[in-house]
Amino acid sequence: MSTPDIRKVIVLNAPIQKVWKTVATSEGIQSWFMENDFKPEEGFIFSIQSPFGPTSCKVLKVDEPNEVVITWGEAGWVVSFELKEQGEQTEFTLVHSGWGAPDEKVQGPGPDMTNLQIRTTMDMGWDGILNNGLRNAVEG
């Protein structure tokens, strides 16, 4: 049994190209998430500066302006940003997958926790990051 994916869907009051620039460029990602050296190129290896230090990531897929998929860290996490145009609005879906067994300990730069503990914390964190950070970056 694996830990369920995190899935968040929000509708942003911004056109898809503006949202795309905010989720698929280094400057855009920094404006709502974390400092990084991201490039929207499949296979590109980059770092994000988490509160626990730099974390290695890799770009798996870029489908402008609809989807970006990256790996995040060493635990096997995959994060995707999916965009769907809705007139002058954009439906944004985040999927954070790649979790192992709920009781499996995950070692990383932060405190050792189980997949379920980290997922629970990150589930709440993504709510704030998307509803405050991303929303403010594209609607502000």
Protein backbone atom coordinates (compact mmCIF):
# COMPACT_ATOMS: atom_id res chain seq x y z
CA MET A 1 0.00 0.00 0.00
CA SER A 2 1.38 3.40 -0.91
CA THR A 3 0.64 6.80 0.50
CA PRO A 4 -1.99 8.64 -1.61
CA ASP A 5 -0.98 11.43 -3.96
CA ILE A 6 -1.57 15.04 -3.01
CA ARG A 7 -3.92 16.60 -5.55
CA LYS A 8 -4.91 20.28 -5.43
CA VAL A 9 -7.11 22.08 -7.95
CA ILE A 10 -7.63 25.85 -7.93
CA VAL A 11 -9.05 28.29 -10.46
CA LEU A 12 -6.93 31.38 -10.95
CA ASN A 13 -8.23 34.69 -12.25
CA ALA A 14 -5.45 34.98 -14.81
CA PRO A 15 -4.96 33.87 -18.43
CA ILE A 16 -3.10 30.63 -19.04
CA GLN A 17 0.02 32.31 -20.49
CA LYS A 18 0.47 34.41 -17.34
CA VAL A 19 0.07 31.33 -15.13
CA TRP A 20 2.47 29.41 -17.39
CA LYS A 21 5.17 32.09 -17.02
CA THR A 22 4.69 31.91 -13.24
CA VAL A 23 4.99 28.11 -12.96
CA ALA A 24 7.42 27.34 -15.78
CA THR A 25 10.23 29.89 -15.38
CA SER A 26 12.84 30.26 -12.65
CA GLU A 27 11.74 33.83 -11.85
CA GLY A 28 8.09 32.84 -11.80
CA ILE A 29 8.61 29.87 -9.50
CA GLN A 30 10.69 32.00 -7.16
CA SER A 31 7.84 34.53 -6.92
CA TRP A 32 5.53 32.05 -5.19
CA PHE A 33 7.51 28.96 -4.17
CA MET A 34 11.28 28.82 -3.63
CA GLU A 35 14.53 30.15 -5.05
CA ASN A 36 15.71 27.88 -7.88
CA ASP A 37 17.69 27.59 -11.09
CA PHE A 38 14.91 25.89 -13.10
CA LYS A 39 14.88 25.86 -16.90
CA PRO A 40 11.88 24.52 -18.85
CA GLU A 41 13.92 21.88 -20.68
CA GLU A 42 13.19 18.17 -20.42
CA GLY A 43 16.10 16.40 -18.72
CA PHE A 44 17.41 19.61 -17.09
CA ILE A 45 18.73 19.07 -13.55
CA PHE A 46 18.19 22.00 -11.19
CA SER A 47 18.01 22.86 -7.50
CA ILE A 48 15.39 24.47 -5.34
CA GLN A 49 16.41 26.12 -2.09
CA SER A 50 14.17 24.53 0.54
CA PRO A 51 14.22 25.58 4.21
CA PHE A 52 16.52 22.58 4.75
CA GLY A 53 18.98 23.54 2.00
CA PRO A 54 19.30 22.86 -1.73
CA THR A 55 17.22 20.02 -3.14
CA SER A 56 18.02 18.36 -6.46
CA CYS A 57 15.26 18.17 -9.07
CA LYS A 58 14.92 17.13 -12.70
CA VAL A 59 12.52 18.28 -15.41
CA LEU A 60 10.64 15.24 -16.77
CA LYS A 61 8.11 16.91 -19.06
CA VAL A 62 7.37 20.34 -20.54
CA ASP A 63 4.21 20.78 -22.60
CA GLU A 64 3.70 24.55 -22.96
CA PRO A 65 1.31 25.94 -21.76
CA ASN A 66 -0.37 22.87 -20.28
CA GLU A 67 2.00 20.86 -18.11
CA VAL A 68 5.33 20.77 -16.29
CA VAL A 69 6.48 17.62 -14.46
CA ILE A 70 9.56 17.45 -12.23
CA THR A 71 11.21 15.09 -9.78
CA TRP A 72 11.83 16.59 -6.35
CA GLY A 73 14.56 15.32 -4.06
CA GLU A 74 15.83 11.83 -3.43
CA ALA A 75 12.64 10.25 -2.04
CA GLY A 76 11.09 9.55 -5.46
CA TRP A 77 8.64 12.45 -5.44
CA VAL A 78 7.16 13.68 -8.69
CA VAL A 79 5.36 17.04 -8.86
CA SER A 80 3.24 18.07 -11.82
CA PHE A 81 1.63 21.40 -12.64
CA GLU A 82 -1.29 21.03 -15.05
CA LEU A 83 -2.97 24.08 -16.59
CA LYS A 84 -6.32 24.24 -18.39
CA GLU A 85 -7.56 27.38 -20.07
CA GLN A 86 -11.01 28.55 -18.97
CA GLY A 87 -11.51 31.81 -20.86
CA GLU A 88 -9.62 34.48 -18.92
CA GLN A 89 -9.19 32.06 -16.01
CA THR A 90 -6.90 29.07 -15.61
CA GLU A 91 -7.61 25.83 -13.79
CA PHE A 92 -4.38 24.82 -12.08
CA THR A 93 -3.87 21.27 -10.79
CA LEU A 94 -0.92 20.23 -8.67
CA VAL A 95 -0.21 16.52 -8.22
CA HIS A 96 2.52 15.51 -5.77
CA SER A 97 3.09 11.76 -6.17
CA GLY A 98 5.80 9.18 -5.64
CA TRP A 99 5.16 8.49 -1.98
CA GLY A 100 6.19 5.12 -0.58
CA ALA A 101 4.51 3.05 2.11
CA PRO A 102 2.78 5.22 4.76
CA ASP A 103 4.97 3.95 7.63
CA GLU A 104 8.25 4.03 5.66
CA LYS A 105 10.78 6.51 7.10
CA VAL A 106 12.04 9.13 4.67
CA GLN A 107 15.51 10.45 5.25
CA GLY A 108 16.29 13.86 3.96
CA PRO A 109 17.69 17.19 4.92
CA GLY A 110 14.91 17.72 7.47
CA PRO A 111 13.81 15.55 10.38
CA ASP A 112 13.27 11.86 9.63
CA MET A 113 9.54 11.27 9.30
CA THR A 114 7.28 8.68 7.72
CA ASN A 115 5.80 9.18 4.26
CA LEU A 116 2.38 9.71 5.84
CA GLN A 117 3.69 12.34 8.27
CA ILE A 118 5.49 14.25 5.51
CA ARG A 119 2.52 13.93 3.15
CA THR A 120 0.15 15.31 5.82
CA THR A 121 2.45 18.28 6.44
CA MET A 122 2.99 18.93 2.73
CA ASP A 123 -0.72 18.60 1.96
CA MET A 124 -1.43 21.55 4.26
CA GLY A 125 1.65 23.38 2.98
CA TRP A 126 0.55 23.12 -0.65
CA ASP A 127 -2.81 24.65 0.30
CA GLY A 128 -1.10 27.80 1.55
CA ILE A 129 1.49 27.90 -1.22
CA LEU A 130 -1.14 27.68 -3.95
CA ASN A 131 -3.97 29.70 -2.42
CA ASN A 132 -1.72 32.47 -1.17
CA GLY A 133 1.63 32.37 -2.98
CA LEU A 134 0.62 31.32 -6.49
CA ARG A 135 -2.73 33.13 -6.42
CA ASN A 136 -1.06 36.38 -5.31
CA ALA A 137 1.69 35.99 -7.92
CA VAL A 138 -0.73 35.67 -10.86
CA GLU A 139 -3.73 37.69 -9.66
CA GLY A 140 -1.87 40.52 -7.89
